[in-house]
Amino acid sequence: MIEPRLSAEMIVQSLLRKVNQEGGFGTVIQKGDRISGAILIICLEKGKDPRLLEKMPSLDGPSIWQVIWSQPTDKQGNLQEYLDRRSKFDPDLWLIELDIPDAEQLVAEMT
């Protein structure tokens, strides 16, 4: 049986609202499919050390957010190349950026 889930657009809007309420900054870099687009989240803290999160299926329960890319700020070009490839492969992809301490924890709590 398929479980009901929130639309991608609703998840993105909720995350951005929560980040703003917590005093951080969030923005949509690329809009994807409103209903079922995949969501990639670039997590920063004071503009440094990007981590990329994606919701991955779990074998024993609901999907969870996992870090799929982590690198120092001085090598950010590699991350941009990866994001460009992903966007070409999946035009329905959402890409959002959150700049707030403990972004991974906030994302996990929200969804």
PDB file of N, CA and C in Angstrom:
ATOM      1  N   MET A   1       0.831  -1.180   0.000  1.00  0.00           N
ATOM      2  CA  MET A   1       0.000   0.000   0.000  1.00  0.00           C
ATOM      3  C   MET A   1       0.883   1.253   0.000  1.00  0.00           C
ATOM      4  N   ILE A   2       0.539   2.201  -0.826  1.00  0.00           N
ATOM      5  CA  ILE A   2       1.298   3.440  -0.920  1.00  0.00           C
ATOM      6  C   ILE A   2       0.841   4.382   0.194  1.00  0.00           C
ATOM      7  N   GLU A   3       1.829   4.905   0.921  1.00  0.00           N
ATOM      8  CA  GLU A   3       1.516   5.830   2.002  1.00  0.00           C
ATOM      9  C   GLU A   3       1.414   7.243   1.458  1.00  0.00           C
ATOM     10  N   PRO A   4       0.480   8.043   1.991  1.00  0.00           N
ATOM     11  CA  PRO A   4       0.386   9.434   1.540  1.00  0.00           C
ATOM     12  C   PRO A   4       1.631  10.214   1.930  1.00  0.00           C
ATOM     13  N   ARG A   5       1.972  11.197   1.097  1.00  0.00           N
ATOM     14  CA  ARG A   5       3.136  12.020   1.400  1.00  0.00           C
ATOM     15  C   ARG A   5       2.883  13.440   0.935  1.00  0.00           C
ATOM     16  N   LEU A   6       3.640  14.353   1.507  1.00  0.00           N
ATOM     17  CA  LEU A   6       3.539  15.754   1.132  1.00  0.00           C
ATOM     18  C   LEU A   6       4.163  15.970  -0.237  1.00  0.00           C
ATOM     19  N   SER A   7       3.670  16.979  -0.936  1.00  0.00           N
ATOM     20  CA  SER A   7       4.267  17.310  -2.229  1.00  0.00           C
ATOM     21  C   SER A   7       5.655  17.894  -2.008  1.00  0.00           C
ATOM     22  N   ALA A   8       6.477  17.812  -3.022  1.00  0.00           N
ATOM     23  CA  ALA A   8       7.834  18.368  -2.943  1.00  0.00           C
ATOM     24  C   ALA A   8       7.784  19.867  -2.654  1.00  0.00           C
ATOM     25  N   GLU A   9       6.872  20.561  -3.297  1.00  0.00           N
ATOM     26  CA  GLU A   9       6.764  22.007  -3.088  1.00  0.00           C
ATOM     27  C   GLU A   9       6.392  22.331  -1.632  1.00  0.00           C
ATOM     28  N   MET A  10       5.514  21.563  -1.042  1.00  0.00           N
ATOM     29  CA  MET A  10       5.114  21.781   0.355  1.00  0.00           C
ATOM     30  C   MET A  10       6.292  21.536   1.299  1.00  0.00           C
ATOM     31  N   ILE A  11       7.077  20.504   1.040  1.00  0.00           N
ATOM     32  CA  ILE A  11       8.256  20.213   1.870  1.00  0.00           C
ATOM     33  C   ILE A  11       9.249  21.369   1.782  1.00  0.00           C
ATOM     34  N   VAL A  12       9.519  21.836   0.570  1.00  0.00           N
ATOM     35  CA  VAL A  12      10.462  22.943   0.375  1.00  0.00           C
ATOM     36  C   VAL A  12       9.975  24.194   1.088  1.00  0.00           C
ATOM     37  N   GLN A  13       8.707  24.550   0.916  1.00  0.00           N
ATOM     38  CA  GLN A  13       8.172  25.745   1.559  1.00  0.00           C
ATOM     39  C   GLN A  13       8.244  25.631   3.082  1.00  0.00           C
ATOM     40  N   SER A  14       7.948  24.468   3.618  1.00  0.00           N
ATOM     41  CA  SER A  14       8.006  24.261   5.066  1.00  0.00           C
ATOM     42  C   SER A  14       9.432  24.409   5.590  1.00  0.00           C
ATOM     43  N   LEU A  15      10.389  23.812   4.880  1.00  0.00           N
ATOM     44  CA  LEU A  15      11.791  23.930   5.295  1.00  0.00           C
ATOM     45  C   LEU A  15      12.264  25.385   5.286  1.00  0.00           C
ATOM     46  N   LEU A  16      11.943  26.110   4.227  1.00  0.00           N
ATOM     47  CA  LEU A  16      12.363  27.503   4.128  1.00  0.00           C
ATOM     48  C   LEU A  16      11.736  28.347   5.240  1.00  0.00           C
ATOM     49  N   ARG A  17      10.465  28.112   5.513  1.00  0.00           N
ATOM     50  CA  ARG A  17       9.786  28.847   6.572  1.00  0.00           C
ATOM     51  C   ARG A  17      10.435  28.573   7.929  1.00  0.00           C
ATOM     52  N   LYS A  18      10.732  27.311   8.222  1.00  0.00           N
ATOM     53  CA  LYS A  18      11.332  26.934   9.498  1.00  0.00           C
ATOM     54  C   LYS A  18      12.737  27.548   9.643  1.00  0.00           C
ATOM     55  N   VAL A  19      13.528  27.494   8.592  1.00  0.00           N
ATOM     56  CA  VAL A  19      14.875  28.069   8.638  1.00  0.00           C
ATOM     57  C   VAL A  19      14.799  29.566   8.912  1.00  0.00           C
ATOM     58  N   ASN A  20      13.876  30.252   8.258  1.00  0.00           N
ATOM     59  CA  ASN A  20      13.725  31.692   8.493  1.00  0.00           C
ATOM     60  C   ASN A  20      13.279  31.972   9.927  1.00  0.00           C
ATOM     61  N   GLN A  21      12.386  31.156  10.477  1.00  0.00           N
ATOM     62  CA  GLN A  21      11.936  31.317  11.858  1.00  0.00           C
ATOM     63  C   GLN A  21      13.079  31.122  12.848  1.00  0.00           C
ATOM     64  N   GLU A  22      14.027  30.254  12.494  1.00  0.00           N
ATOM     65  CA  GLU A  22      15.163  29.967  13.369  1.00  0.00           C
ATOM     66  C   GLU A  22      16.313  30.960  13.191  1.00  0.00           C
ATOM     67  N   GLY A  23      16.116  31.969  12.325  1.00  0.00           N
ATOM     68  CA  GLY A  23      17.139  33.002  12.140  1.00  0.00           C
ATOM     69  C   GLY A  23      18.161  32.684  11.069  1.00  0.00           C
ATOM     70  N   GLY A  24      17.931  31.655  10.275  1.00  0.00           N
ATOM     71  CA  GLY A  24      18.842  31.298   9.194  1.00  0.00           C
ATOM     72  C   GLY A  24      18.363  31.866   7.871  1.00  0.00           C
ATOM     73  N   PHE A  25      19.001  31.430   6.808  1.00  0.00           N
ATOM     74  CA  PHE A  25      18.673  31.878   5.458  1.00  0.00           C
ATOM     75  C   PHE A  25      18.441  30.654   4.590  1.00  0.00           C
ATOM     76  N   GLY A  26      17.382  30.685   3.827  1.00  0.00           N
ATOM     77  CA  GLY A  26      17.098  29.600   2.893  1.00  0.00           C
ATOM     78  C   GLY A  26      16.589  30.158   1.585  1.00  0.00           C
ATOM     79  N   THR A  27      16.964  29.510   0.502  1.00  0.00           N
ATOM     80  CA  THR A  27      16.522  29.968  -0.814  1.00  0.00           C
ATOM     81  C   THR A  27      16.377  28.788  -1.769  1.00  0.00           C
ATOM     82  N   VAL A  28      15.508  28.958  -2.745  1.00  0.00           N
ATOM     83  CA  VAL A  28      15.346  27.976  -3.810  1.00  0.00           C
ATOM     84  C   VAL A  28      16.299  28.350  -4.933  1.00  0.00           C
ATOM     85  N   ILE A  29      17.196  27.451  -5.273  1.00  0.00           N
ATOM     86  CA  ILE A  29      18.138  27.681  -6.368  1.00  0.00           C
ATOM     87  C   ILE A  29      17.544  27.184  -7.676  1.00  0.00           C
ATOM     88  N   GLN A  30      16.828  26.064  -7.612  1.00  0.00           N
ATOM     89  CA  GLN A  30      16.203  25.493  -8.805  1.00  0.00           C
ATOM     90  C   GLN A  30      14.872  24.880  -8.409  1.00  0.00           C
ATOM     91  N   LYS A  31      13.820  25.288  -9.111  1.00  0.00           N
ATOM     92  CA  LYS A  31      12.498  24.716  -8.861  1.00  0.00           C
ATOM     93  C   LYS A  31      12.344  23.445  -9.674  1.00  0.00           C
ATOM     94  N   GLY A  32      11.743  22.457  -9.029  1.00  0.00           N
ATOM     95  CA  GLY A  32      11.499  21.191  -9.703  1.00  0.00           C
ATOM     96  C   GLY A  32      10.016  20.932  -9.852  1.00  0.00           C
ATOM     97  N   ASP A  33       9.669  19.688 -10.047  1.00  0.00           N
ATOM     98  CA  ASP A  33       8.273  19.291 -10.169  1.00  0.00           C
ATOM     99  C   ASP A  33       7.557  19.564  -8.850  1.00  0.00           C
ATOM    100  N   ARG A  34       6.403  20.222  -8.918  1.00  0.00           N
ATOM    101  CA  ARG A  34       5.674  20.632  -7.718  1.00  0.00           C
ATOM    102  C   ARG A  34       5.232  19.450  -6.864  1.00  0.00           C
ATOM    103  N   ILE A  35       4.920  18.341  -7.485  1.00  0.00           N
ATOM    104  CA  ILE A  35       4.356  17.209  -6.752  1.00  0.00           C
ATOM    105  C   ILE A  35       5.418  16.214  -6.295  1.00  0.00           C
ATOM    106  N   SER A  36       6.216  15.747  -7.220  1.00  0.00           N
ATOM    107  CA  SER A  36       7.081  14.610  -6.878  1.00  0.00           C
ATOM    108  C   SER A  36       8.552  14.796  -7.231  1.00  0.00           C
ATOM    109  N   GLY A  37       8.990  16.017  -7.416  1.00  0.00           N
ATOM    110  CA  GLY A  37      10.397  16.234  -7.739  1.00  0.00           C
ATOM    111  C   GLY A  37      11.303  15.846  -6.579  1.00  0.00           C
ATOM    112  N   ALA A  38      12.459  15.299  -6.911  1.00  0.00           N
ATOM    113  CA  ALA A  38      13.456  15.003  -5.879  1.00  0.00           C
ATOM    114  C   ALA A  38      13.962  16.318  -5.310  1.00  0.00           C
ATOM    115  N   ILE A  39      14.410  16.292  -4.050  1.00  0.00           N
ATOM    116  CA  ILE A  39      14.885  17.500  -3.387  1.00  0.00           C
ATOM    117  C   ILE A  39      16.321  17.279  -2.929  1.00  0.00           C
ATOM    118  N   LEU A  40      17.203  18.171  -3.366  1.00  0.00           N
ATOM    119  CA  LEU A  40      18.575  18.206  -2.865  1.00  0.00           C
ATOM    120  C   LEU A  40      18.716  19.467  -2.025  1.00  0.00           C
ATOM    121  N   ILE A  41      19.355  19.331  -0.873  1.00  0.00           N
ATOM    122  CA  ILE A  41      19.515  20.457   0.035  1.00  0.00           C
ATOM    123  C   ILE A  41      21.003  20.703   0.271  1.00  0.00           C
ATOM    124  N   ILE A  42      21.451  21.910  -0.077  1.00  0.00           N
ATOM    125  CA  ILE A  42      22.819  22.313   0.238  1.00  0.00           C
ATOM    126  C   ILE A  42      22.769  22.956   1.627  1.00  0.00           C
ATOM    127  N   CYS A  43      23.478  22.377   2.567  1.00  0.00           N
ATOM    128  CA  CYS A  43      23.520  22.883   3.938  1.00  0.00           C
ATOM    129  C   CYS A  43      24.846  23.589   4.171  1.00  0.00           C
ATOM    130  N   LEU A  44      24.757  24.824   4.618  1.00  0.00           N
ATOM    131  CA  LEU A  44      25.935  25.626   4.921  1.00  0.00           C
ATOM    132  C   LEU A  44      25.831  26.134   6.352  1.00  0.00           C
ATOM    133  N   GLU A  45      26.975  26.522   6.895  1.00  0.00           N
ATOM    134  CA  GLU A  45      26.990  27.226   8.168  1.00  0.00           C
ATOM    135  C   GLU A  45      27.904  28.423   7.995  1.00  0.00           C
ATOM    136  N   LYS A  46      27.296  29.611   8.020  1.00  0.00           N
ATOM    137  CA  LYS A  46      28.003  30.871   7.760  1.00  0.00           C
ATOM    138  C   LYS A  46      28.670  30.858   6.389  1.00  0.00           C
ATOM    139  N   GLY A  47      27.992  30.256   5.407  1.00  0.00           N
ATOM    140  CA  GLY A  47      28.476  30.241   4.036  1.00  0.00           C
ATOM    141  C   GLY A  47      29.621  29.302   3.754  1.00  0.00           C
ATOM    142  N   LYS A  48      29.952  28.422   4.691  1.00  0.00           N
ATOM    143  CA  LYS A  48      31.117  27.551   4.518  1.00  0.00           C
ATOM    144  C   LYS A  48      30.750  26.078   4.613  1.00  0.00           C
ATOM    145  N   ASP A  49      31.684  25.258   4.125  1.00  0.00           N
ATOM    146  CA  ASP A  49      31.634  23.795   4.227  1.00  0.00           C
ATOM    147  C   ASP A  49      30.287  23.190   3.817  1.00  0.00           C
ATOM    148  N   PRO A  50      29.977  23.244   2.532  1.00  0.00           N
ATOM    149  CA  PRO A  50      28.696  22.724   2.059  1.00  0.00           C
ATOM    150  C   PRO A  50      28.581  21.214   2.244  1.00  0.00           C
ATOM    151  N   ARG A  51      27.392  20.804   2.630  1.00  0.00           N
ATOM    152  CA  ARG A  51      27.012  19.403   2.684  1.00  0.00           C
ATOM    153  C   ARG A  51      25.739  19.270   1.866  1.00  0.00           C
ATOM    154  N   LEU A  52      25.643  18.221   1.103  1.00  0.00           N
ATOM    155  CA  LEU A  52      24.484  18.016   0.245  1.00  0.00           C
ATOM    156  C   LEU A  52      23.667  16.869   0.808  1.00  0.00           C
ATOM    157  N   LEU A  53      22.378  17.129   1.046  1.00  0.00           N
ATOM    158  CA  LEU A  53      21.473  16.115   1.577  1.00  0.00           C
ATOM    159  C   LEU A  53      20.492  15.683   0.505  1.00  0.00           C
ATOM    160  N   GLU A  54      20.135  14.408   0.569  1.00  0.00           N
ATOM    161  CA  GLU A  54      19.085  13.870  -0.296  1.00  0.00           C
ATOM    162  C   GLU A  54      18.313  12.833   0.496  1.00  0.00           C
ATOM    163  N   LYS A  55      17.017  12.779   0.270  1.00  0.00           N
ATOM    164  CA  LYS A  55      16.178  11.806   0.959  1.00  0.00           C
ATOM    165  C   LYS A  55      16.350  10.459   0.266  1.00  0.00           C
ATOM    166  N   MET A  56      16.784   9.474   1.048  1.00  0.00           N
ATOM    167  CA  MET A  56      17.073   8.151   0.504  1.00  0.00           C
ATOM    168  C   MET A  56      16.134   7.119   1.119  1.00  0.00           C
ATOM    169  N   PRO A  57      15.724   6.150   0.327  1.00  0.00           N
ATOM    170  CA  PRO A  57      14.856   5.101   0.876  1.00  0.00           C
ATOM    171  C   PRO A  57      15.594   4.270   1.922  1.00  0.00           C
ATOM    172  N   SER A  58      14.832   3.804   2.876  1.00  0.00           N
ATOM    173  CA  SER A  58      15.375   2.974   3.943  1.00  0.00           C
ATOM    174  C   SER A  58      14.797   1.570   3.800  1.00  0.00           C
ATOM    175  N   LEU A  59      15.589   0.570   4.115  1.00  0.00           N
ATOM    176  CA  LEU A  59      15.111  -0.810   3.989  1.00  0.00           C
ATOM    177  C   LEU A  59      14.091  -1.181   5.062  1.00  0.00           C
ATOM    178  N   ASP A  60      14.169  -0.521   6.200  1.00  0.00           N
ATOM    179  CA  ASP A  60      13.316  -0.934   7.313  1.00  0.00           C
ATOM    180  C   ASP A  60      12.373   0.159   7.807  1.00  0.00           C
ATOM    181  N   GLY A  61      12.001   1.094   6.966  1.00  0.00           N
ATOM    182  CA  GLY A  61      11.091   2.135   7.410  1.00  0.00           C
ATOM    183  C   GLY A  61      11.012   3.275   6.418  1.00  0.00           C
ATOM    184  N   PRO A  62      10.629   4.438   6.920  1.00  0.00           N
ATOM    185  CA  PRO A  62      10.479   5.594   6.028  1.00  0.00           C
ATOM    186  C   PRO A  62      11.824   6.095   5.504  1.00  0.00           C
ATOM    187  N   SER A  63      11.766   6.848   4.439  1.00  0.00           N
ATOM    188  CA  SER A  63      12.973   7.440   3.855  1.00  0.00           C
ATOM    189  C   SER A  63      13.601   8.403   4.854  1.00  0.00           C
ATOM    190  N   ILE A  64      14.933   8.541   4.771  1.00  0.00           N
ATOM    191  CA  ILE A  64      15.646   9.442   5.670  1.00  0.00           C
ATOM    192  C   ILE A  64      16.584  10.330   4.858  1.00  0.00           C
ATOM    193  N   TRP A  65      16.885  11.514   5.414  1.00  0.00           N
ATOM    194  CA  TRP A  65      17.821  12.431   4.780  1.00  0.00           C
ATOM    195  C   TRP A  65      19.234  11.977   5.090  1.00  0.00           C
ATOM    196  N   GLN A  66      20.058  11.883   4.041  1.00  0.00           N
ATOM    197  CA  GLN A  66      21.443  11.464   4.214  1.00  0.00           C
ATOM    198  C   GLN A  66      22.370  12.450   3.515  1.00  0.00           C
ATOM    199  N   VAL A  67      23.549  12.636   4.085  1.00  0.00           N
ATOM    200  CA  VAL A  67      24.571  13.465   3.443  1.00  0.00           C
ATOM    201  C   VAL A  67      25.144  12.649   2.287  1.00  0.00           C
ATOM    202  N   ILE A  68      25.040  13.201   1.070  1.00  0.00           N
ATOM    203  CA  ILE A  68      25.582  12.499  -0.102  1.00  0.00           C
ATOM    204  C   ILE A  68      26.817  13.201  -0.644  1.00  0.00           C
ATOM    205  N   TRP A  69      27.139  14.381  -0.099  1.00  0.00           N
ATOM    206  CA  TRP A  69      28.313  15.119  -0.555  1.00  0.00           C
ATOM    207  C   TRP A  69      28.769  16.020   0.581  1.00  0.00           C
ATOM    208  N   SER A  70      30.030  15.986   0.881  1.00  0.00           N
ATOM    209  CA  SER A  70      30.604  16.860   1.897  1.00  0.00           C
ATOM    210  C   SER A  70      32.004  17.228   1.435  1.00  0.00           C
ATOM    211  N   GLN A  71      32.317  18.505   1.474  1.00  0.00           N
ATOM    212  CA  GLN A  71      33.643  18.932   1.037  1.00  0.00           C
ATOM    213  C   GLN A  71      33.966  20.303   1.586  1.00  0.00           C
ATOM    214  N   PRO A  72      35.235  20.615   1.689  1.00  0.00           N
ATOM    215  CA  PRO A  72      35.635  21.943   2.137  1.00  0.00           C
ATOM    216  C   PRO A  72      35.245  23.013   1.113  1.00  0.00           C
ATOM    217  N   THR A  73      35.064  24.227   1.586  1.00  0.00           N
ATOM    218  CA  THR A  73      34.635  25.341   0.738  1.00  0.00           C
ATOM    219  C   THR A  73      35.591  25.588  -0.425  1.00  0.00           C
ATOM    220  N   ASP A  74      36.894  25.374  -0.233  1.00  0.00           N
ATOM    221  CA  ASP A  74      37.848  25.668  -1.305  1.00  0.00           C
ATOM    222  C   ASP A  74      37.731  24.735  -2.504  1.00  0.00           C
ATOM    223  N   LYS A  75      36.985  23.649  -2.385  1.00  0.00           N
ATOM    224  CA  LYS A  75      36.785  22.725  -3.511  1.00  0.00           C
ATOM    225  C   LYS A  75      35.338  22.727  -3.973  1.00  0.00           C
ATOM    226  N   GLN A  76      34.656  23.852  -3.827  1.00  0.00           N
ATOM    227  CA  GLN A  76      33.239  23.931  -4.128  1.00  0.00           C
ATOM    228  C   GLN A  76      32.935  23.721  -5.610  1.00  0.00           C
ATOM    229  N   GLY A  77      33.901  23.932  -6.488  1.00  0.00           N
ATOM    230  CA  GLY A  77      33.689  23.713  -7.914  1.00  0.00           C
ATOM    231  C   GLY A  77      33.263  22.294  -8.216  1.00  0.00           C
ATOM    232  N   ASN A  78      33.788  21.325  -7.490  1.00  0.00           N
ATOM    233  CA  ASN A  78      33.401  19.928  -7.694  1.00  0.00           C
ATOM    234  C   ASN A  78      31.924  19.713  -7.385  1.00  0.00           C
ATOM    235  N   LEU A  79      31.437  20.350  -6.335  1.00  0.00           N
ATOM    236  CA  LEU A  79      30.026  20.239  -5.977  1.00  0.00           C
ATOM    237  C   LEU A  79      29.158  20.837  -7.069  1.00  0.00           C
ATOM    238  N   GLN A  80      29.541  21.985  -7.587  1.00  0.00           N
ATOM    239  CA  GLN A  80      28.756  22.618  -8.650  1.00  0.00           C
ATOM    240  C   GLN A  80      28.705  21.739  -9.901  1.00  0.00           C
ATOM    241  N   GLU A  81      29.813  21.094 -10.246  1.00  0.00           N
ATOM    242  CA  GLU A  81      29.823  20.181 -11.388  1.00  0.00           C
ATOM    243  C   GLU A  81      28.843  19.025 -11.155  1.00  0.00           C
ATOM    244  N   TYR A  82      28.846  18.482  -9.949  1.00  0.00           N
ATOM    245  CA  TYR A  82      27.922  17.394  -9.611  1.00  0.00           C
ATOM    246  C   TYR A  82      26.472  17.866  -9.728  1.00  0.00           C
ATOM    247  N   LEU A  83      26.175  19.055  -9.196  1.00  0.00           N
ATOM    248  CA  LEU A  83      24.812  19.582  -9.257  1.00  0.00           C
ATOM    249  C   LEU A  83      24.376  19.842 -10.696  1.00  0.00           C
ATOM    250  N   ASP A  84      25.282  20.321 -11.525  1.00  0.00           N
ATOM    251  CA  ASP A  84      24.976  20.540 -12.946  1.00  0.00           C
ATOM    252  C   ASP A  84      24.624  19.224 -13.626  1.00  0.00           C
ATOM    253  N   ARG A  85      25.403  18.180 -13.348  1.00  0.00           N
ATOM    254  CA  ARG A  85      25.119  16.858 -13.941  1.00  0.00           C
ATOM    255  C   ARG A  85      23.765  16.329 -13.475  1.00  0.00           C
ATOM    256  N   ARG A  86      23.493  16.450 -12.178  1.00  0.00           N
ATOM    257  CA  ARG A  86      22.219  15.969 -11.636  1.00  0.00           C
ATOM    258  C   ARG A  86      21.041  16.714 -12.254  1.00  0.00           C
ATOM    259  N   SER A  87      21.195  18.028 -12.436  1.00  0.00           N
ATOM    260  CA  SER A  87      20.114  18.833 -13.016  1.00  0.00           C
ATOM    261  C   SER A  87      19.842  18.456 -14.463  1.00  0.00           C
ATOM    262  N   LYS A  88      20.891  18.150 -15.210  1.00  0.00           N
ATOM    263  CA  LYS A  88      20.700  17.708 -16.602  1.00  0.00           C
ATOM    264  C   LYS A  88      20.022  16.354 -16.654  1.00  0.00           C
ATOM    265  N   PHE A  89      20.379  15.479 -15.729  1.00  0.00           N
ATOM    266  CA  PHE A  89      19.817  14.139 -15.670  1.00  0.00           C
ATOM    267  C   PHE A  89      18.370  14.156 -15.167  1.00  0.00           C
ATOM    268  N   ASP A  90      18.060  15.057 -14.226  1.00  0.00           N
ATOM    269  CA  ASP A  90      16.740  15.119 -13.601  1.00  0.00           C
ATOM    270  C   ASP A  90      16.233  16.563 -13.590  1.00  0.00           C
ATOM    271  N   PRO A  91      15.554  16.991 -14.663  1.00  0.00           N
ATOM    272  CA  PRO A  91      15.079  18.380 -14.726  1.00  0.00           C
ATOM    273  C   PRO A  91      13.968  18.687 -13.717  1.00  0.00           C
ATOM    274  N   ASP A  92      13.370  17.676 -13.092  1.00  0.00           N
ATOM    275  CA  ASP A  92      12.322  17.878 -12.090  1.00  0.00           C
ATOM    276  C   ASP A  92      12.888  18.078 -10.689  1.00  0.00           C
ATOM    277  N   LEU A  93      14.178  18.165 -10.583  1.00  0.00           N
ATOM    278  CA  LEU A  93      14.887  18.256  -9.314  1.00  0.00           C
ATOM    279  C   LEU A  93      14.736  19.632  -8.658  1.00  0.00           C
ATOM    280  N   TRP A  94      14.482  19.633  -7.350  1.00  0.00           N
ATOM    281  CA  TRP A  94      14.511  20.854  -6.545  1.00  0.00           C
ATOM    282  C   TRP A  94      15.904  20.973  -5.944  1.00  0.00           C
ATOM    283  N   LEU A  95      16.439  22.176  -5.938  1.00  0.00           N
ATOM    284  CA  LEU A  95      17.715  22.439  -5.290  1.00  0.00           C
ATOM    285  C   LEU A  95      17.525  23.641  -4.371  1.00  0.00           C
ATOM    286  N   ILE A  96      17.698  23.414  -3.078  1.00  0.00           N
ATOM    287  CA  ILE A  96      17.557  24.507  -2.137  1.00  0.00           C
ATOM    288  C   ILE A  96      18.829  24.629  -1.305  1.00  0.00           C
ATOM    289  N   GLU A  97      19.044  25.823  -0.794  1.00  0.00           N
ATOM    290  CA  GLU A  97      20.223  26.081   0.030  1.00  0.00           C
ATOM    291  C   GLU A  97      19.756  26.612   1.379  1.00  0.00           C
ATOM    292  N   LEU A  98      20.293  26.024   2.443  1.00  0.00           N
ATOM    293  CA  LEU A  98      19.985  26.445   3.800  1.00  0.00           C
ATOM    294  C   LEU A  98      21.278  26.843   4.490  1.00  0.00           C
ATOM    295  N   ASP A  99      21.316  28.035   5.038  1.00  0.00           N
ATOM    296  CA  ASP A  99      22.492  28.503   5.779  1.00  0.00           C
ATOM    297  C   ASP A  99      22.062  28.741   7.221  1.00  0.00           C
ATOM    298  N   ILE A 100      22.301  27.753   8.056  1.00  0.00           N
ATOM    299  CA  ILE A 100      21.896  27.793   9.453  1.00  0.00           C
ATOM    300  C   ILE A 100      22.702  26.729  10.198  1.00  0.00           C
ATOM    301  N   PRO A 101      23.061  26.973  11.454  1.00  0.00           N
ATOM    302  CA  PRO A 101      23.749  25.930  12.220  1.00  0.00           C
ATOM    303  C   PRO A 101      22.867  24.688  12.360  1.00  0.00           C
ATOM    304  N   ASP A 102      23.472  23.530  12.302  1.00  0.00           N
ATOM    305  CA  ASP A 102      22.778  22.244  12.454  1.00  0.00           C
ATOM    306  C   ASP A 102      21.636  22.058  11.458  1.00  0.00           C
ATOM    307  N   ALA A 103      21.880  22.409  10.211  1.00  0.00           N
ATOM    308  CA  ALA A 103      20.850  22.291   9.184  1.00  0.00           C
ATOM    309  C   ALA A 103      20.379  20.847   9.028  1.00  0.00           C
ATOM    310  N   GLU A 104      21.306  19.890   9.120  1.00  0.00           N
ATOM    311  CA  GLU A 104      20.927  18.491   8.967  1.00  0.00           C
ATOM    312  C   GLU A 104      19.911  18.076  10.026  1.00  0.00           C
ATOM    313  N   GLN A 105      20.111  18.524  11.246  1.00  0.00           N
ATOM    314  CA  GLN A 105      19.192  18.187  12.331  1.00  0.00           C
ATOM    315  C   GLN A 105      17.826  18.838  12.088  1.00  0.00           C
ATOM    316  N   LEU A 106      17.820  20.083  11.663  1.00  0.00           N
ATOM    317  CA  LEU A 106      16.576  20.768  11.381  1.00  0.00           C
ATOM    318  C   LEU A 106      15.798  20.059  10.283  1.00  0.00           C
ATOM    319  N   VAL A 107      16.468  19.655   9.218  1.00  0.00           N
ATOM    320  CA  VAL A 107      15.815  18.950   8.115  1.00  0.00           C
ATOM    321  C   VAL A 107      15.244  17.623   8.596  1.00  0.00           C
ATOM    322  N   ALA A 108      16.014  16.883   9.384  1.00  0.00           N
ATOM    323  CA  ALA A 108      15.552  15.595   9.888  1.00  0.00           C
ATOM    324  C   ALA A 108      14.324  15.748  10.773  1.00  0.00           C
ATOM    325  N   GLU A 109      14.277  16.795  11.584  1.00  0.00           N
ATOM    326  CA  GLU A 109      13.143  17.030  12.469  1.00  0.00           C
ATOM    327  C   GLU A 109      11.899  17.439  11.695  1.00  0.00           C
ATOM    328  N   MET A 110      12.089  18.125  10.571  1.00  0.00           N
ATOM    329  CA  MET A 110      10.956  18.645   9.804  1.00  0.00           C
ATOM    330  C   MET A 110      10.241  17.577   8.985  1.00  0.00           C
ATOM    331  N   THR A 111      10.960  16.572   8.556  1.00  0.00           N
ATOM    332  CA  THR A 111      10.331  15.618   7.636  1.00  0.00           C
ATOM    333  C   THR A 111      10.369  14.222   8.161  1.00  0.00           C
TER     334      THR A 111
END
